[in-house]
Amino acid sequence: MKIFSRFAARAAMLLCMAAFTPLAATSAEIDGKFEDPTRIAAIGGSITEIVFALGEQDRLIARDTTSVFPPEALELPDVGYMRQLSPEGVLSVNPGGILALEGSGPKETIDVLKKASVPYIEVPETFDREGIIRKIDVVGKALGVEKKADALAAEVGAKIDEAKALTGNVKDRKRVLFILSAQGGKIMASGADTAANGIIELAGAVNAIEGYSGYKQLTEEAIVDARPDVILMMGQIGGHQSGDDEILGNPIIATTPAGKARRVVRMDGAYMLGFGPRTADAVRDVAVALYGKEVAD
């Protein structure tokens, strides 16, 4: 499994919580192109990764707290967490353009930034293969490097297809419960329309939680009904994260197939949930962790 720094762990927790606290939709420009694509502030970890993957990192002058990969990105000024931005923090780096992942906020800050005479381009996000390709296309157009973006999109798409093919013949699909946190015995888990749900599906498994979107606290009955075969969590223990013994020691979790088999899979959150250029590798790693020799090369 890939375990990175404490910065990556915190970034992944923030990324998850972004799906937990919905914001009102904004009317940000989509598919725009910066007239002067220099001095760009990147908001969103996957956006920063894409810019680096395109070889255009010299254009970046700032990033947000969720942007922790590649390690070189940490050398850029941090303008704050993408969901809790302040206009002063973003504008303090004097950006020539702002490239922000959909869902950045709060809305009041985004409204101010859009009126601040600094070009603002929003990058849409969905947690699937097409969503990643779309992000690459939008970032490439914004920076004026469409041919590079086409090549990267083709490469990433092909790798994701190969990773998905690993589980193409799997008959017994694992039921996976993604737990965001378990503080005080309260299980916060992932429903639909989340990065966790997306990676579970791409890895050929089934989200054990149905009936709601985002991240919510589960009742004991919901945990029993979920019948997870495997519990999936972010890799870093500490803060909002609980250790395996605490998770498996939960009396309700202990009654599930995952609890009885003591099956907990952990992976670096920014890597697993980022939905950027590294997602194909993450899909492969999750699939192998879930199915073992059945899908391993």
Protein backbone atom coordinates (compact mmCIF):
# COMPACT_ATOMS: atom_id res chain seq x y z
CA MET A 1 0.00 0.00 0.00
CA LYS A 2 1.13 3.56 -0.58
CA ILE A 3 1.42 5.64 2.59
CA PHE A 4 2.60 9.19 2.14
CA SER A 5 3.18 12.11 4.49
CA ARG A 6 0.91 13.51 7.15
CA PHE A 7 0.19 16.32 4.67
CA ALA A 8 -1.33 13.80 2.26
CA ALA A 9 -3.41 12.27 5.05
CA ARG A 10 -4.85 15.64 6.08
CA ALA A 11 -5.46 16.55 2.44
CA ALA A 12 -7.37 13.33 1.90
CA MET A 13 -9.51 13.91 4.98
CA LEU A 14 -10.36 17.39 3.70
CA LEU A 15 -11.11 15.95 0.28
CA CYS A 16 -13.58 13.49 1.80
CA MET A 17 -15.24 16.14 3.92
CA ALA A 18 -15.76 18.23 0.80
CA ALA A 19 -18.32 15.67 -0.29
CA PHE A 20 -19.86 15.62 3.18
CA THR A 21 -20.71 19.33 3.31
CA PRO A 22 -22.48 20.32 0.07
CA LEU A 23 -22.29 23.82 -1.28
CA ALA A 24 -24.69 25.66 -3.52
CA ALA A 25 -23.75 25.43 -7.18
CA THR A 26 -21.79 28.28 -8.64
CA SER A 27 -22.00 29.82 -12.08
CA ALA A 28 -18.29 29.53 -12.70
CA GLU A 29 -16.99 29.62 -16.21
CA ILE A 30 -16.37 26.15 -17.66
CA ASP A 31 -14.14 25.32 -20.61
CA GLY A 32 -12.50 28.73 -20.54
CA LYS A 33 -9.01 29.64 -21.68
CA PHE A 34 -6.67 32.02 -19.93
CA GLU A 35 -5.44 34.83 -22.15
CA ASP A 36 -2.21 34.80 -20.17
CA PRO A 37 -1.78 31.31 -18.69
CA THR A 38 1.02 32.27 -16.31
CA ARG A 39 0.93 32.83 -12.58
CA ILE A 40 -1.86 30.32 -12.01
CA ALA A 41 -3.27 29.41 -8.60
CA ALA A 42 -4.45 25.78 -8.61
CA ILE A 43 -7.30 24.89 -6.26
CA GLY A 44 -7.83 21.13 -5.89
CA GLY A 45 -5.31 18.33 -5.56
CA SER A 46 -6.18 16.65 -8.85
CA ILE A 47 -5.88 19.96 -10.69
CA THR A 48 -2.35 20.47 -9.40
CA GLU A 49 -1.43 16.88 -10.31
CA ILE A 50 -2.74 17.35 -13.83
CA VAL A 51 -0.75 20.54 -14.33
CA PHE A 52 2.40 18.71 -13.25
CA ALA A 53 1.56 15.69 -15.43
CA LEU A 54 1.24 18.06 -18.40
CA GLY A 55 4.72 19.41 -17.65
CA GLU A 56 3.31 22.89 -17.08
CA GLN A 57 4.17 23.26 -13.39
CA ASP A 58 6.26 26.37 -14.02
CA ARG A 59 2.98 28.21 -14.55
CA LEU A 60 1.89 27.57 -10.96
CA ILE A 61 2.47 30.19 -8.29
CA ALA A 62 0.21 28.75 -5.56
CA ARG A 63 -1.83 25.69 -4.60
CA ASP A 64 -4.43 24.71 -2.01
CA THR A 65 -4.04 22.46 1.04
CA THR A 66 -5.31 19.35 -0.77
CA SER A 67 -2.53 19.66 -3.37
CA VAL A 68 0.15 17.41 -1.87
CA PHE A 69 1.40 15.48 -4.92
CA PRO A 70 3.89 15.48 -6.45
CA PRO A 71 6.13 16.45 -3.50
CA GLU A 72 7.39 19.45 -5.45
CA ALA A 73 3.91 20.96 -5.16
CA LEU A 74 4.49 21.46 -1.44
CA GLU A 75 7.08 24.11 -2.29
CA LEU A 76 4.32 26.36 -3.63
CA PRO A 77 2.53 28.83 -1.33
CA ASP A 78 -0.60 27.34 0.25
CA VAL A 79 -3.68 29.55 -0.12
CA GLY A 80 -5.87 27.39 2.15
CA TYR A 81 -8.29 24.47 2.08
CA MET A 82 -10.39 24.45 -1.09
CA ARG A 83 -13.68 24.49 0.86
CA GLN A 84 -12.64 27.26 3.24
CA LEU A 85 -10.89 29.76 1.00
CA SER A 86 -10.71 33.45 1.77
CA PRO A 87 -10.50 36.05 -1.01
CA GLU A 88 -7.52 37.65 0.73
CA GLY A 89 -5.63 34.37 0.91
CA VAL A 90 -6.06 33.56 -2.77
CA LEU A 91 -5.46 37.08 -4.05
CA SER A 92 -2.44 37.62 -1.79
CA VAL A 93 -0.27 35.62 -4.21
CA ASN A 94 -1.27 37.97 -7.05
CA PRO A 95 -2.46 35.24 -9.44
CA GLY A 96 -2.90 35.89 -13.11
CA GLY A 97 -5.59 33.21 -13.18
CA ILE A 98 -7.42 30.85 -10.83
CA LEU A 99 -7.99 27.24 -11.87
CA ALA A 100 -10.40 25.75 -9.34
CA LEU A 101 -12.01 22.36 -8.91
CA GLU A 102 -15.80 22.33 -8.86
CA GLY A 103 -17.03 22.61 -5.27
CA SER A 104 -14.41 25.08 -4.12
CA GLY A 105 -15.80 27.57 -1.68
CA PRO A 106 -17.38 28.95 0.32
CA LYS A 107 -19.77 30.48 -2.20
CA GLU A 108 -19.20 33.98 -0.82
CA THR A 109 -15.46 33.70 -1.47
CA ILE A 110 -15.96 32.38 -4.99
CA ASP A 111 -18.36 35.20 -5.77
CA VAL A 112 -15.74 37.72 -4.66
CA LEU A 113 -13.00 36.01 -6.67
CA LYS A 114 -15.14 36.06 -9.80
CA LYS A 115 -15.57 39.82 -9.44
CA ALA A 116 -11.90 40.48 -8.73
CA SER A 117 -10.75 40.96 -12.34
CA VAL A 118 -8.70 37.75 -12.09
CA PRO A 119 -9.78 35.12 -14.66
CA TYR A 120 -11.49 32.24 -12.86
CA ILE A 121 -12.01 28.85 -14.53
CA GLU A 122 -13.90 26.04 -12.83
CA VAL A 123 -12.99 22.43 -13.57
CA PRO A 124 -15.98 20.05 -13.31
CA GLU A 125 -15.67 16.86 -11.30
CA THR A 126 -17.36 13.49 -11.39
CA PHE A 127 -15.89 10.40 -9.77
CA ASP A 128 -15.46 8.16 -12.79
CA ARG A 129 -13.18 7.60 -15.78
CA GLU A 130 -14.96 10.20 -17.89
CA GLY A 131 -14.66 12.76 -15.12
CA ILE A 132 -10.88 12.43 -15.04
CA ILE A 133 -10.62 12.77 -18.81
CA ARG A 134 -12.86 15.82 -18.65
CA LYS A 135 -10.64 17.43 -16.01
CA ILE A 136 -7.55 16.88 -18.12
CA ASP A 137 -9.25 18.38 -21.17
CA VAL A 138 -10.44 21.47 -19.27
CA VAL A 139 -7.05 22.08 -17.64
CA GLY A 140 -5.26 21.62 -20.95
CA LYS A 141 -7.53 24.10 -22.71
CA ALA A 142 -7.24 26.62 -19.88
CA LEU A 143 -3.46 26.56 -20.18
CA GLY A 144 -3.44 26.48 -23.98
CA VAL A 145 -1.79 23.05 -24.23
CA GLU A 146 -4.59 21.06 -25.81
CA LYS A 147 -2.29 18.63 -27.66
CA LYS A 148 -0.49 17.73 -24.45
CA ALA A 149 -3.85 17.27 -22.76
CA ASP A 150 -5.09 15.00 -25.54
CA ALA A 151 -2.03 12.80 -25.16
CA LEU A 152 -2.31 12.67 -21.37
CA ALA A 153 -6.04 11.94 -21.52
CA ALA A 154 -5.46 9.07 -23.95
CA GLU A 155 -2.72 7.64 -21.75
CA VAL A 156 -4.70 7.94 -18.52
CA GLY A 157 -7.87 6.56 -20.13
CA ALA A 158 -6.05 3.52 -21.48
CA LYS A 159 -4.45 2.81 -18.09
CA ILE A 160 -7.80 3.04 -16.34
CA ASP A 161 -9.33 0.65 -18.87
CA GLU A 162 -6.50 -1.82 -18.23
CA ALA A 163 -6.94 -1.53 -14.48
CA LYS A 164 -10.71 -2.05 -14.71
CA ALA A 165 -10.17 -5.11 -16.89
CA LEU A 166 -8.42 -6.85 -13.99
CA THR A 167 -11.78 -7.49 -12.35
CA GLY A 168 -13.75 -8.03 -15.54
CA ASN A 169 -14.21 -11.75 -14.89
CA VAL A 170 -14.68 -11.58 -11.13
CA LYS A 171 -17.95 -13.30 -10.23
CA ASP A 172 -18.12 -12.72 -6.49
CA ARG A 173 -18.07 -8.94 -6.17
CA LYS A 174 -16.82 -7.76 -2.79
CA ARG A 175 -19.09 -5.56 -0.73
CA VAL A 176 -16.93 -2.70 0.51
CA LEU A 177 -17.65 -0.31 3.37
CA PHE A 178 -15.57 2.86 3.16
CA ILE A 179 -15.21 4.35 6.64
CA LEU A 180 -14.15 7.96 6.85
CA SER A 181 -13.96 8.03 10.63
CA ALA A 182 -15.05 6.02 13.66
CA GLN A 183 -14.52 8.39 16.54
CA GLY A 184 -16.37 7.41 19.68
CA GLY A 185 -17.68 4.31 17.94
CA LYS A 186 -19.68 6.43 15.48
CA ILE A 187 -19.13 5.13 11.97
CA MET A 188 -19.02 7.81 9.26
CA ALA A 189 -19.26 6.04 5.90
CA SER A 190 -19.44 6.81 2.20
CA GLY A 191 -22.58 6.65 0.14
CA ALA A 192 -23.05 7.46 -3.54
CA ASP A 193 -21.61 10.45 -5.44
CA THR A 194 -18.30 10.34 -3.56
CA ALA A 195 -14.72 9.63 -4.52
CA ALA A 196 -14.81 6.55 -2.29
CA ASN A 197 -17.84 5.18 -4.13
CA GLY A 198 -16.14 5.90 -7.45
CA ILE A 199 -12.94 4.04 -6.60
CA ILE A 200 -14.88 1.07 -5.22
CA GLU A 201 -16.82 0.75 -8.47
CA LEU A 202 -13.75 1.18 -10.69
CA ALA A 203 -12.02 -1.57 -8.70
CA GLY A 204 -14.81 -3.99 -9.53
CA ALA A 205 -16.51 -4.00 -6.14
CA VAL A 206 -19.85 -2.88 -4.71
CA ASN A 207 -20.39 -0.08 -2.24
CA ALA A 208 -22.01 -1.77 0.75
CA ILE A 209 -23.93 1.41 1.54
CA GLU A 210 -26.99 2.31 -0.52
CA GLY A 211 -29.72 4.90 -0.34
CA TYR A 212 -27.87 8.16 0.27
CA SER A 213 -25.21 10.45 -1.18
CA GLY A 214 -22.13 11.83 0.53
CA TYR A 215 -20.77 10.82 3.91
CA LYS A 216 -23.11 10.11 6.81
CA GLN A 217 -23.09 8.52 10.23
CA LEU A 218 -24.45 4.99 10.11
CA THR A 219 -26.96 3.46 12.47
CA GLU A 220 -26.22 0.02 13.88
CA GLU A 221 -28.98 -1.38 11.70
CA ALA A 222 -27.44 0.15 8.57
CA ILE A 223 -24.07 -1.44 9.37
CA VAL A 224 -25.66 -4.86 9.81
CA ASP A 225 -27.66 -4.48 6.60
CA ALA A 226 -24.54 -3.39 4.68
CA ARG A 227 -22.90 -6.82 5.20
CA PRO A 228 -19.44 -5.61 4.12
CA ASP A 229 -16.85 -8.17 3.08
CA VAL A 230 -14.08 -5.59 3.36
CA ILE A 231 -13.62 -2.29 5.17
CA LEU A 232 -11.71 0.34 3.18
CA MET A 233 -10.04 3.29 4.90
CA MET A 234 -7.39 5.91 4.39
CA GLY A 235 -3.91 4.85 5.37
CA GLN A 236 -2.86 7.37 7.97
CA ILE A 237 -3.91 6.57 11.54
CA GLY A 238 -4.49 9.51 13.85
CA GLY A 239 -6.68 12.60 13.94
CA HIS A 240 -10.03 11.49 12.51
CA GLN A 241 -8.65 8.05 11.73
CA SER A 242 -9.00 5.05 14.03
CA GLY A 243 -6.72 2.04 14.23
CA ASP A 244 -7.72 -1.39 12.96
CA ASP A 245 -8.21 -2.73 16.48
CA GLU A 246 -10.67 0.07 17.27
CA ILE A 247 -12.58 -0.50 14.03
CA LEU A 248 -12.73 -4.27 14.40
CA GLY A 249 -13.47 -3.93 18.11
CA ASN A 250 -16.70 -2.12 17.34
CA PRO A 251 -19.34 -4.69 18.43
CA ILE A 252 -21.52 -4.09 15.36
CA ILE A 253 -18.64 -4.16 12.89
CA ALA A 254 -17.49 -7.38 14.55
CA THR A 255 -20.72 -9.11 13.47
CA THR A 256 -20.19 -8.35 9.77
CA PRO A 257 -18.31 -10.60 7.34
CA ALA A 258 -15.49 -8.01 7.24
CA GLY A 259 -15.30 -7.94 11.03
CA LYS A 260 -15.29 -11.71 11.38
CA ALA A 261 -12.54 -12.02 8.74
CA ARG A 262 -10.71 -8.97 10.15
CA ARG A 263 -10.44 -7.50 6.66
CA VAL A 264 -9.40 -3.86 6.69
CA VAL A 265 -7.66 -2.38 3.64
CA ARG A 266 -5.89 0.96 4.05
CA MET A 267 -4.43 3.20 1.38
CA ASP A 268 -3.16 6.76 1.16
CA GLY A 269 -6.23 8.92 0.81
CA ALA A 270 -4.95 11.54 -1.62
CA TYR A 271 -3.73 8.74 -3.90
CA MET A 272 -6.86 6.62 -3.64
CA LEU A 273 -9.48 9.39 -3.76
CA GLY A 274 -7.81 12.07 -5.89
CA PHE A 275 -9.31 11.12 -9.26
CA GLY A 276 -6.42 12.48 -11.27
CA PRO A 277 -3.54 11.07 -13.34
CA ARG A 278 -2.68 8.42 -10.71
CA THR A 279 -6.15 6.91 -10.47
CA ALA A 280 -5.41 3.95 -12.73
CA ASP A 281 -2.67 2.86 -10.34
CA ALA A 282 -5.02 3.36 -7.40
CA VAL A 283 -7.71 1.25 -9.08
CA ARG A 284 -5.20 -1.52 -9.65
CA ASP A 285 -3.96 -1.39 -6.06
CA VAL A 286 -7.46 -1.43 -4.59
CA ALA A 287 -8.49 -4.32 -6.87
CA VAL A 288 -5.47 -6.39 -5.87
CA ALA A 289 -6.06 -5.58 -2.19
CA LEU A 290 -9.69 -6.71 -2.48
CA TYR A 291 -9.29 -9.78 -4.67
CA GLY A 292 -5.66 -10.85 -4.22
CA LYS A 293 -4.31 -13.50 -6.58
CA GLU A 294 -7.62 -13.59 -8.42
CA VAL A 295 -6.69 -10.38 -10.23
CA ALA A 296 -2.97 -9.91 -9.56
CA ASP A 297 -0.73 -10.01 -12.64
